[in-house]
Amino acid sequence: MVEFREVSFSYAAGEQKNSLRDINLTIGEGELVLLCGESGCGKTTVTRLINGLIPHYYEGELRGEILIDGKNVSELPLYETARMVGSVFQNPRSQFFNVDTTSELAFGAENMGLPETEIRQRLHRVSGEFQIERLMGRNIFQLSGGEKQKIACASVSVSDPQVLVLDEPTSNLDDKAIEELRRLIQIWKNKGKTIVVAEHRLYFLRELIDRVIYMQNGCVREIYGAQEFRKLSTLSLEQMGLRPLSLDRLTKEKDEAVKRAASLNLSGFSFCYKGSYSPAIDMERLSVSQGEIIAVIGHNGAGKSTFARCLCGLEKKSKGEIGFQEAKLTTKQRLKKCYMVMQDVNHQLFAESVLDEVLLSMAEEDEDKASAILDSLDLLHLKDLHPMSLSGGQKQRVAIAGAVASEREIIIFDEPTSGLDLRHMKEVAGNLRKLAAMGKTLFVITHDPEFILYCCTHLLQLENGKVIANEPLDASGTKKMLDYFTGISSNHTMSKQVV
């Protein structure tokens, strides 16, 4: 079905990472193949060669042949390749062409010139299979991240290509959305589709994979059968730079954060969006200590991001009192004391270079200090590049570097590990532990249990804007957190377990 013959590729910009060398690979019809390896190993480049974005969109030097059903993809126009290959990207918004969901699902089939009656039949069939009837006719930009990903998958299914490539599809998804994506992939697998997934999170694909292609420095280092790969120990996976295959294998890192007396106290803290009668945030009382790294968890719509915006002072109409180190903070004071790394960091990258971005966050510019921060996040070699030219994971680390450089006393991270591999996730965790040791109070909104275990010291669970768990990540708190994440697939929530 898909064949790589002596394929090498280097990007026109001279980028060494993500390039490929001497790839020989065959993916059979109906196979689900996982591409894994550290960031920059070439996974995304493989997906771009399969769907024709290389060489038609990304320029560079290509040698060898990429064949799908015996046709050389690099010699086909993109519209011909699109009939054979469907793509789901890391950020689904980058592949939308319409404002409403129904039009988006019909778009690919319309471009193929299918009759209107057949398009309507396909829309009806796919919306039923994917259980998205309630999402039809909706404004795409009013959907959650998981809902957007479902629309992206459904629009690909309406076109009905035989080959599907997914490039880090879980990077911006919460736990429930990841489980839903797993179900959608199972639907494709049951239909006999050939599926190629480039991904850092492995656990949700554990029972779906047929083969695993482990890549390193642009080469295929190892090819595993599903059973062989599932037998690899956590230590072996870690030595390969890979995340665990099961959440049951996770263990808590030693807590090195400096704990002090309670210093942040919220009282009567609430917020209600315009036109809504029920509060998005409703916290009677919340206290956390200085030097803690607080994992904020909860399902979509629980109020996590709203809580972060209110805490930072970005939502001026929030009510209640916030006391910090025995002083009450006004909205303006919160803006000065807090720093937030957004989930979509594209909204907060402004400078012309990576180094300038970090300098911009400093009260007083210090290039040596900025360079040291970049080095700690494996970004120093990118310091002269424009932030918007970087990959999603690299942008994420640039925004985190800005937070470190800001030296604010309260720092909020909204999904800081989206798109990060194991090594870079550990580097980010290390930086957060250093900040906590300096007495900073950190809130981490995350759906990444691995990251929580690497650095977080406290657990805060929100549901419907209310606090339902606020406790240290000791043995009891860790068990409750893991039960929350491992229980998603069996429809259990931690809220049922907390007394």
Protein backbone atom coordinates (compact mmCIF):
# COMPACT_ATOMS: atom_id res chain seq x y z
CA MET A 1 0.00 0.00 0.00
CA VAL A 2 2.67 2.55 1.12
CA GLU A 3 6.30 2.05 0.16
CA PHE A 4 9.45 4.11 0.75
CA ARG A 5 12.37 3.23 -1.55
CA GLU A 6 15.77 4.68 -0.57
CA VAL A 7 14.13 7.94 0.53
CA SER A 8 16.24 10.84 1.78
CA PHE A 9 15.01 14.38 2.31
CA SER A 10 16.53 17.63 3.59
CA TYR A 11 14.57 20.85 4.01
CA ALA A 12 15.44 23.84 1.86
CA ALA A 13 16.07 25.97 4.95
CA GLY A 14 18.96 23.68 5.84
CA GLU A 15 17.24 22.34 8.96
CA GLN A 16 19.08 19.24 10.16
CA LYS A 17 16.39 18.01 12.49
CA ASN A 18 13.41 16.31 10.87
CA SER A 19 15.43 15.40 7.76
CA LEU A 20 15.46 11.78 6.56
CA ARG A 21 18.25 9.48 5.43
CA ASP A 22 17.96 6.23 3.45
CA ILE A 23 14.45 5.20 4.45
CA ASN A 24 13.22 1.84 3.17
CA LEU A 25 9.81 1.00 4.49
CA THR A 26 6.65 -0.87 3.49
CA ILE A 27 3.28 -0.37 5.20
CA GLY A 28 0.72 -3.00 4.29
CA GLU A 29 -2.94 -2.44 3.52
CA GLY A 30 -5.05 -2.25 6.67
CA GLU A 31 -2.05 -1.82 8.98
CA LEU A 32 -1.95 0.65 11.86
CA VAL A 33 1.64 1.79 12.19
CA LEU A 34 2.97 3.97 15.01
CA LEU A 35 5.88 6.31 14.24
CA CYS A 36 7.72 7.17 17.45
CA GLY A 37 10.96 8.75 18.57
CA GLU A 38 12.20 12.00 20.06
CA SER A 39 11.29 15.37 18.57
CA GLY A 40 13.25 16.02 15.38
CA CYS A 41 13.72 12.33 14.54
CA GLY A 42 11.76 12.69 11.27
CA LYS A 43 8.27 11.39 12.18
CA THR A 44 6.43 14.43 10.84
CA THR A 45 8.54 14.43 7.69
CA VAL A 46 7.43 10.85 6.97
CA THR A 47 3.77 11.88 7.26
CA ARG A 48 4.36 14.87 4.95
CA LEU A 49 5.90 12.60 2.33
CA ILE A 50 2.91 10.26 2.47
CA ASN A 51 0.28 13.00 2.10
CA GLY A 52 2.25 14.91 -0.56
CA LEU A 53 2.93 18.08 1.45
CA ILE A 54 6.55 17.27 0.59
CA PRO A 55 7.59 18.38 -2.00
CA HIS A 56 4.47 20.36 -3.02
CA TYR A 57 4.33 22.58 0.10
CA TYR A 58 7.58 22.01 2.02
CA GLU A 59 10.53 22.49 -0.30
CA GLY A 60 13.82 20.67 -0.12
CA GLU A 61 15.98 18.01 -1.72
CA LEU A 62 14.17 14.71 -2.16
CA ARG A 63 15.75 11.47 -3.33
CA GLY A 64 14.06 8.12 -3.74
CA GLU A 65 10.43 7.17 -4.27
CA ILE A 66 7.30 7.23 -2.11
CA LEU A 67 4.68 4.95 -3.63
CA ILE A 68 0.99 4.53 -2.75
CA ASP A 69 -0.67 1.74 -4.69
CA GLY A 70 2.31 1.89 -7.03
CA LYS A 71 1.90 5.64 -7.75
CA ASN A 72 4.77 8.01 -7.02
CA VAL A 73 3.29 10.60 -4.63
CA SER A 74 5.92 13.27 -5.37
CA GLU A 75 4.90 13.25 -9.05
CA LEU A 76 1.15 13.47 -8.42
CA PRO A 77 -0.78 16.74 -8.03
CA LEU A 78 -2.02 17.23 -4.45
CA TYR A 79 -5.66 16.82 -5.42
CA GLU A 80 -4.89 13.32 -6.72
CA THR A 81 -3.02 12.40 -3.54
CA ALA A 82 -5.92 13.74 -1.46
CA ARG A 83 -8.19 11.09 -2.98
CA MET A 84 -5.90 8.40 -1.56
CA VAL A 85 -4.60 9.99 1.66
CA GLY A 86 -6.43 11.85 4.42
CA SER A 87 -4.61 13.89 7.07
CA VAL A 88 -5.37 14.88 10.66
CA PHE A 89 -2.93 17.45 11.99
CA GLN A 90 -1.69 18.36 15.47
CA ASN A 91 -3.81 21.52 15.40
CA PRO A 92 -7.10 20.73 13.58
CA ARG A 93 -7.76 24.43 12.96
CA SER A 94 -4.93 24.44 10.44
CA GLN A 95 -6.95 22.16 8.14
CA PHE A 96 -10.37 23.84 8.32
CA PHE A 97 -11.70 25.73 5.29
CA ASN A 98 -15.20 26.58 6.52
CA VAL A 99 -16.81 28.29 9.48
CA ASP A 100 -19.60 25.76 10.12
CA THR A 101 -19.14 22.05 10.79
CA THR A 102 -21.55 20.70 8.16
CA SER A 103 -19.82 22.59 5.36
CA GLU A 104 -16.44 21.41 6.63
CA LEU A 105 -17.49 17.76 6.48
CA ALA A 106 -18.84 18.21 2.95
CA PHE A 107 -15.85 20.21 1.67
CA GLY A 108 -13.56 17.35 0.65
CA ALA A 109 -16.31 15.36 -1.05
CA GLU A 110 -17.46 18.49 -2.93
CA ASN A 111 -13.90 19.03 -4.19
CA MET A 112 -13.94 15.46 -5.47
CA GLY A 113 -17.02 16.32 -7.56
CA LEU A 114 -19.31 13.78 -5.91
CA PRO A 115 -23.08 14.08 -6.53
CA GLU A 116 -25.02 16.00 -3.88
CA THR A 117 -27.12 12.95 -2.95
CA GLU A 118 -24.00 10.87 -2.26
CA ILE A 119 -22.43 13.67 -0.21
CA ARG A 120 -25.58 13.88 1.94
CA GLN A 121 -25.56 10.10 2.40
CA ARG A 122 -21.91 10.19 3.48
CA LEU A 123 -22.57 13.07 5.90
CA HIS A 124 -25.42 11.13 7.48
CA ARG A 125 -23.38 7.91 7.74
CA VAL A 126 -20.23 9.51 9.16
CA SER A 127 -22.04 11.76 11.66
CA GLY A 128 -23.79 8.65 12.99
CA GLU A 129 -20.62 6.53 13.15
CA PHE A 130 -18.68 9.29 14.89
CA GLN A 131 -21.63 10.27 17.12
CA ILE A 132 -21.37 13.96 16.20
CA GLU A 133 -25.00 14.70 15.27
CA ARG A 134 -25.14 17.38 17.97
CA LEU A 135 -22.09 19.09 16.45
CA MET A 136 -23.58 19.48 12.98
CA GLY A 137 -24.41 23.02 11.86
CA ARG A 138 -22.25 24.51 14.62
CA ASN A 139 -19.66 27.29 14.42
CA ILE A 140 -16.30 25.52 14.34
CA PHE A 141 -14.61 28.22 16.40
CA GLN A 142 -17.03 27.68 19.27
CA LEU A 143 -16.07 24.02 19.67
CA SER A 144 -13.69 22.56 22.24
CA GLY A 145 -10.32 21.15 21.17
CA GLY A 146 -11.65 17.59 21.31
CA GLU A 147 -14.74 18.51 19.30
CA LYS A 148 -12.60 20.18 16.63
CA GLN A 149 -10.47 17.05 16.39
CA LYS A 150 -13.64 14.94 15.93
CA ILE A 151 -14.76 17.26 13.10
CA ALA A 152 -11.32 16.95 11.48
CA CYS A 153 -11.50 13.14 11.66
CA ALA A 154 -15.07 13.09 10.37
CA SER A 155 -14.29 15.37 7.42
CA VAL A 156 -11.50 13.00 6.40
CA SER A 157 -13.90 10.05 6.69
CA VAL A 158 -16.48 11.69 4.41
CA SER A 159 -13.85 11.78 1.63
CA ASP A 160 -13.18 8.07 2.37
CA PRO A 161 -9.44 7.77 1.52
CA GLN A 162 -7.78 4.40 2.03
CA VAL A 163 -4.70 5.84 3.81
CA LEU A 164 -4.89 8.08 6.90
CA VAL A 165 -1.98 9.93 8.52
CA LEU A 166 -2.22 11.55 11.94
CA ASP A 167 0.54 13.85 13.20
CA GLU A 168 0.55 14.09 17.02
CA PRO A 169 -3.25 14.17 17.16
CA THR A 170 -3.46 14.13 20.99
CA SER A 171 -1.16 17.07 21.74
CA ASN A 172 -4.03 19.47 22.50
CA LEU A 173 -6.61 16.97 23.78
CA ASP A 174 -7.84 16.21 27.28
CA ASP A 175 -8.21 12.70 28.65
CA LYS A 176 -11.81 12.17 27.51
CA ALA A 177 -11.03 13.51 24.03
CA ILE A 178 -8.04 11.15 23.75
CA GLU A 179 -10.27 8.20 24.60
CA GLU A 180 -12.77 9.41 21.99
CA LEU A 181 -9.98 9.71 19.39
CA ARG A 182 -8.98 6.13 20.18
CA ARG A 183 -12.55 5.07 19.40
CA LEU A 184 -12.51 6.91 16.07
CA ILE A 185 -9.22 5.28 15.09
CA GLN A 186 -10.76 1.91 15.98
CA ILE A 187 -13.61 2.66 13.55
CA TRP A 188 -11.09 3.28 10.76
CA LYS A 189 -9.13 0.16 11.67
CA ASN A 190 -12.30 -1.95 11.56
CA LYS A 191 -12.95 -0.61 8.04
CA GLY A 192 -9.52 -1.84 6.91
CA LYS A 193 -7.95 1.61 6.51
CA THR A 194 -4.17 1.94 6.45
CA ILE A 195 -3.30 4.25 9.35
CA VAL A 196 0.01 5.97 10.16
CA VAL A 197 0.20 7.81 13.50
CA ALA A 198 3.15 9.96 14.60
CA GLU A 199 2.76 10.39 18.36
CA HIS A 200 4.55 10.95 21.69
CA ARG A 201 1.73 9.65 23.88
CA LEU A 202 1.67 5.89 23.41
CA TYR A 203 -0.73 4.45 25.96
CA PHE A 204 -3.96 5.11 24.05
CA LEU A 205 -2.63 3.20 21.01
CA ARG A 206 -1.38 0.20 22.98
CA GLU A 207 -4.08 -2.23 21.84
CA LEU A 208 -4.50 -0.78 18.32
CA ILE A 209 -1.01 -0.91 16.84
CA ASP A 210 0.11 -3.58 14.37
CA ARG A 211 3.71 -2.38 14.07
CA VAL A 212 5.92 0.30 15.61
CA ILE A 213 8.60 2.18 13.69
CA TYR A 214 11.17 3.69 16.04
CA MET A 215 13.08 6.58 14.45
CA GLN A 216 16.26 8.36 15.46
CA ASN A 217 18.19 11.14 13.70
CA GLY A 218 16.21 10.77 10.47
CA CYS A 219 16.66 6.99 10.21
CA VAL A 220 14.52 3.96 10.98
CA ARG A 221 16.40 2.38 13.91
CA GLU A 222 14.04 -0.43 14.76
CA ILE A 223 10.75 -1.97 13.62
CA TYR A 224 8.72 -3.84 16.24
CA GLY A 225 5.71 -6.09 16.03
CA ALA A 226 2.87 -5.14 18.37
CA GLN A 227 3.48 -7.93 20.91
CA GLU A 228 7.23 -7.37 20.87
CA PHE A 229 6.80 -3.65 21.51
CA ARG A 230 4.29 -4.18 24.32
CA LYS A 231 6.82 -6.38 26.14
CA LEU A 232 9.40 -3.55 26.35
CA SER A 233 9.99 -2.41 29.92
CA THR A 234 9.41 1.16 31.07
CA LEU A 235 13.18 1.53 31.49
CA SER A 236 13.80 0.36 27.90
CA LEU A 237 11.24 2.81 26.58
CA GLU A 238 12.74 5.63 28.64
CA GLN A 239 16.22 4.86 27.30
CA MET A 240 14.73 5.18 23.79
CA GLY A 241 13.26 8.57 24.74
CA LEU A 242 9.71 7.22 24.72
CA ARG A 243 6.83 7.63 27.15
CA PRO A 244 5.30 4.59 28.92
CA LEU A 245 2.87 2.28 27.13
CA SER A 246 0.57 2.14 30.13
CA LEU A 247 -0.46 4.64 32.78
CA ASP A 248 -0.28 1.76 35.25
CA ARG A 249 3.51 1.82 34.90
CA LEU A 250 3.83 5.40 36.11
CA THR A 251 5.62 6.19 39.37
CA LYS A 252 6.02 9.42 41.32
CA GLU A 253 9.28 11.33 41.13
CA LYS A 254 10.85 12.37 44.42
CA ASP A 255 9.33 15.65 45.60
CA GLU A 256 12.06 18.29 45.80
CA ALA A 257 9.84 21.37 45.94
CA VAL A 258 10.30 23.68 48.93
CA LYS A 259 7.11 23.76 50.97
CA ARG A 260 6.16 26.77 53.04
CA ALA A 261 3.12 28.01 54.91
CA ALA A 262 -0.08 28.80 53.01
CA SER A 263 0.45 32.04 51.11
CA LEU A 264 -2.33 32.19 48.49
CA ASN A 265 -5.88 32.31 49.82
CA LEU A 266 -9.06 32.70 47.77
CA SER A 267 -12.36 33.53 49.39
CA GLY A 268 -15.76 33.81 47.69
CA PHE A 269 -13.99 33.55 44.32
CA SER A 270 -16.50 33.44 41.45
CA PHE A 271 -17.03 34.40 37.83
CA CYS A 272 -19.99 34.19 35.46
CA TYR A 273 -19.82 34.67 31.69
CA LYS A 274 -22.14 37.20 30.09
CA GLY A 275 -25.51 35.68 29.25
CA SER A 276 -24.97 32.68 31.54
CA TYR A 277 -27.00 32.11 34.71
CA SER A 278 -24.67 29.54 36.25
CA PRO A 279 -21.17 30.55 37.44
CA ALA A 280 -18.15 29.22 35.55
CA ILE A 281 -16.14 29.56 38.78
CA ASP A 282 -17.63 29.16 42.26
CA MET A 283 -15.02 28.67 44.99
CA GLU A 284 -16.01 29.32 48.56
CA ARG A 285 -12.47 28.94 49.84
CA LEU A 286 -9.10 27.77 48.49
CA SER A 287 -5.65 27.86 50.08
CA VAL A 288 -2.32 26.75 48.61
CA SER A 289 1.24 27.08 49.83
CA GLN A 290 4.17 28.97 48.43
CA GLY A 291 6.65 26.77 46.61
CA GLU A 292 4.04 24.28 45.45
CA ILE A 293 3.54 22.99 41.90
CA ILE A 294 -0.21 22.52 41.73
CA ALA A 295 -1.66 20.20 39.11
CA VAL A 296 -5.09 21.51 38.07
CA ILE A 297 -7.17 18.71 36.57
CA GLY A 298 -10.76 18.25 35.48
CA HIS A 299 -12.84 17.50 32.40
CA ASN A 300 -13.52 19.94 29.55
CA GLY A 301 -15.76 22.73 30.82
CA ALA A 302 -14.73 22.17 34.45
CA GLY A 303 -13.52 25.77 34.66
CA LYS A 304 -9.74 25.23 34.64
CA SER A 305 -8.81 27.86 32.03
CA THR A 306 -11.42 30.30 33.39
CA PHE A 307 -9.91 29.88 36.86
CA ALA A 308 -6.46 30.66 35.42
CA ARG A 309 -7.68 33.80 33.67
CA CYS A 310 -9.47 35.04 36.78
CA LEU A 311 -6.48 34.34 38.99
CA CYS A 312 -4.21 36.31 36.64
CA GLY A 313 -6.59 39.27 36.56
CA LEU A 314 -7.45 38.83 32.88
CA GLU A 315 -11.16 38.56 33.72
CA LYS A 316 -11.90 41.90 35.37
CA LYS A 317 -15.43 40.98 36.45
CA SER A 318 -14.39 38.10 38.68
CA LYS A 319 -15.56 38.45 42.28
CA GLY A 320 -14.10 37.56 45.64
CA GLU A 321 -10.89 38.20 47.54
CA ILE A 322 -7.39 36.99 46.78
CA GLY A 323 -4.83 37.17 49.55
CA PHE A 324 -1.17 36.66 48.78
CA GLN A 325 1.47 36.72 51.51
CA GLU A 326 -0.99 38.43 53.88
CA ALA A 327 -1.87 41.19 51.38
CA LYS A 328 -5.07 41.48 49.36
CA LEU A 329 -4.47 41.73 45.62
CA THR A 330 -6.45 43.97 43.30
CA THR A 331 -6.94 43.01 39.65
CA LYS A 332 -4.05 45.26 38.58
CA GLN A 333 -1.77 43.82 41.25
CA ARG A 334 -2.58 40.28 40.09
CA LEU A 335 -1.57 41.24 36.55
CA LYS A 336 1.83 42.33 37.88
CA LYS A 337 2.42 39.32 40.12
CA CYS A 338 1.13 36.60 37.75
CA TYR A 339 2.42 35.22 34.48
CA MET A 340 0.46 32.85 32.26
CA VAL A 341 1.67 30.49 29.55
CA MET A 342 -1.39 29.97 27.34
CA GLN A 343 -2.47 26.69 25.80
CA ASP A 344 -2.17 28.28 22.33
CA VAL A 345 1.19 30.02 22.69
CA ASN A 346 0.82 31.62 19.25
CA HIS A 347 -1.19 34.31 21.06
CA GLN A 348 1.78 35.39 23.19
CA LEU A 349 4.83 35.22 20.93
CA PHE A 350 5.62 38.73 19.66
CA ALA A 351 9.37 39.19 19.13
CA GLU A 352 11.48 38.73 16.00
CA SER A 353 13.74 36.08 17.51
CA VAL A 354 13.64 33.44 20.23
CA LEU A 355 16.23 35.32 22.29
CA ASP A 356 14.31 38.59 22.02
CA GLU A 357 11.16 36.77 23.16
CA VAL A 358 12.85 35.81 26.42
CA LEU A 359 14.42 39.25 26.88
CA LEU A 360 10.96 40.77 26.43
CA SER A 361 9.75 38.94 29.55
CA MET A 362 12.52 40.29 31.77
CA ALA A 363 12.16 43.32 34.01
CA GLU A 364 15.79 44.14 33.11
CA GLU A 365 17.30 42.57 29.99
CA ASP A 366 20.16 40.16 30.68
CA GLU A 367 21.32 38.30 27.57
CA ASP A 368 23.56 35.87 29.47
CA LYS A 369 20.72 34.90 31.79
CA ALA A 370 18.31 34.59 28.86
CA SER A 371 20.78 32.34 27.03
CA ALA A 372 21.13 30.13 30.13
CA ILE A 373 17.35 29.73 30.32
CA LEU A 374 17.19 28.83 26.64
CA ASP A 375 19.99 26.31 27.10
CA SER A 376 18.12 24.63 29.97
CA LEU A 377 15.16 24.08 27.61
CA ASP A 378 17.27 22.91 24.63
CA LEU A 379 16.52 26.12 22.71
CA LEU A 380 19.85 27.94 22.61
CA HIS A 381 20.65 26.71 19.09
CA LEU A 382 17.38 28.34 17.94
CA LYS A 383 17.93 31.72 19.60
CA ASP A 384 18.21 33.70 16.31
CA LEU A 385 15.18 32.11 14.62
CA HIS A 386 11.74 33.72 14.48
CA PRO A 387 9.46 32.05 17.08
CA MET A 388 6.68 31.53 14.53
CA SER A 389 9.01 29.43 12.35
CA LEU A 390 9.37 26.79 15.07
CA SER A 391 7.46 23.57 15.66
CA GLY A 392 4.58 23.45 18.11
CA GLY A 393 6.69 21.86 20.85
CA GLN A 394 9.50 24.37 20.36
CA LYS A 395 7.07 27.30 20.57
CA GLN A 396 5.72 25.83 23.79
CA ARG A 397 9.21 25.78 25.29
CA VAL A 398 9.89 29.37 24.16
CA ALA A 399 6.77 30.52 26.01
CA ILE A 400 7.88 28.57 29.09
CA ALA A 401 11.32 30.21 28.83
CA GLY A 402 9.56 33.57 28.94
CA ALA A 403 7.72 32.54 32.10
CA VAL A 404 10.98 31.47 33.76
CA ALA A 405 12.62 34.76 32.77
CA SER A 406 9.72 36.85 34.09
CA GLU A 407 10.50 35.95 37.72
CA ARG A 408 6.84 36.52 38.62
CA GLU A 409 5.71 35.07 41.95
CA ILE A 410 2.65 33.20 40.62
CA ILE A 411 2.98 31.42 37.29
CA ILE A 412 0.17 29.55 35.51
CA PHE A 413 0.89 27.01 32.77
CA ASP A 414 -2.02 25.91 30.57
CA GLU A 415 -1.12 22.53 28.99
CA PRO A 416 2.66 23.16 28.97
CA THR A 417 3.61 19.72 27.59
CA SER A 418 1.46 19.63 24.43
CA GLY A 419 3.64 18.32 21.62
CA LEU A 420 6.64 17.56 23.86
CA ASP A 421 8.57 14.30 23.83
CA LEU A 422 9.83 12.59 26.99
CA ARG A 423 13.20 14.38 27.12
CA HIS A 424 11.77 17.86 26.64
CA MET A 425 8.92 17.11 29.03
CA LYS A 426 11.54 16.25 31.67
CA GLU A 427 13.43 19.48 30.93
CA VAL A 428 10.27 21.52 31.43
CA ALA A 429 9.56 19.60 34.65
CA GLY A 430 13.07 20.37 35.87
CA ASN A 431 12.61 24.08 35.25
CA LEU A 432 9.33 24.07 37.16
CA ARG A 433 10.98 22.36 40.11
CA LYS A 434 13.71 25.03 40.11
CA LEU A 435 11.06 27.77 40.14
CA ALA A 436 9.25 26.08 43.01
CA ALA A 437 12.52 25.81 44.97
CA MET A 438 12.85 29.59 44.57
CA GLY A 439 9.50 29.99 46.31
CA LYS A 440 7.36 30.56 43.23
CA THR A 441 3.77 29.30 43.32
CA LEU A 442 2.97 27.37 40.15
CA PHE A 443 -0.38 26.22 38.77
CA VAL A 444 -0.21 23.63 35.97
CA ILE A 445 -3.42 22.97 34.03
CA THR A 446 -2.73 19.61 32.44
CA HIS A 447 -4.10 16.34 31.11
CA ASP A 448 -0.65 14.76 31.24
CA PRO A 449 -0.37 12.36 34.21
CA GLU A 450 3.27 11.61 33.37
CA PHE A 451 4.17 15.28 33.71
CA ILE A 452 2.23 15.56 36.98
CA LEU A 453 4.26 12.70 38.45
CA TYR A 454 7.54 14.23 37.28
CA CYS A 455 7.14 17.58 39.01
CA CYS A 456 3.82 18.41 40.67
CA THR A 457 3.49 18.44 44.46
CA HIS A 458 -0.20 19.22 44.92
CA LEU A 459 -3.51 18.25 43.33
CA LEU A 460 -6.44 20.56 42.60
CA GLN A 461 -9.45 19.04 40.83
CA LEU A 462 -12.25 21.23 39.51
CA GLU A 463 -15.66 20.18 38.25
CA ASN A 464 -18.37 22.66 37.24
CA GLY A 465 -16.25 25.50 38.59
CA LYS A 466 -16.06 24.02 42.09
CA VAL A 467 -13.15 22.54 44.02
CA ILE A 468 -13.76 18.85 44.66
CA ALA A 469 -10.18 17.88 45.58
CA ASN A 470 -7.40 19.99 47.09
CA GLU A 471 -4.63 17.88 48.61
CA PRO A 472 -0.91 17.08 48.45
CA LEU A 473 0.35 14.55 45.91
CA ASP A 474 1.42 12.12 48.59
CA ALA A 475 0.68 8.39 48.24
CA SER A 476 -3.06 8.95 48.68
CA GLY A 477 -3.24 11.98 46.34
CA THR A 478 -1.14 10.23 43.70
CA LYS A 479 -3.44 7.20 43.75
CA LYS A 480 -6.49 9.40 43.33
CA MET A 481 -4.89 11.27 40.45
CA LEU A 482 -3.93 8.06 38.65
CA ASP A 483 -7.38 6.59 39.28
CA TYR A 484 -8.85 9.68 37.63
CA PHE A 485 -6.77 9.27 34.46
CA THR A 486 -6.83 5.48 34.20
CA GLY A 487 -10.56 5.48 34.89
CA ILE A 488 -11.40 7.60 31.84
CA SER A 489 -11.65 4.64 29.47
CA SER A 490 -13.96 2.80 31.87
CA ASN A 491 -16.07 5.90 32.52
CA HIS A 492 -14.97 6.34 36.11
CA THR A 493 -13.98 9.74 37.52
CA MET A 494 -12.00 10.67 40.54
CA SER A 495 -14.95 12.64 41.83
CA LYS A 496 -16.70 9.33 42.54
CA GLN A 497 -13.77 8.18 44.65
CA VAL A 498 -13.09 11.32 46.70
CA VAL A 499 -14.95 11.34 49.99
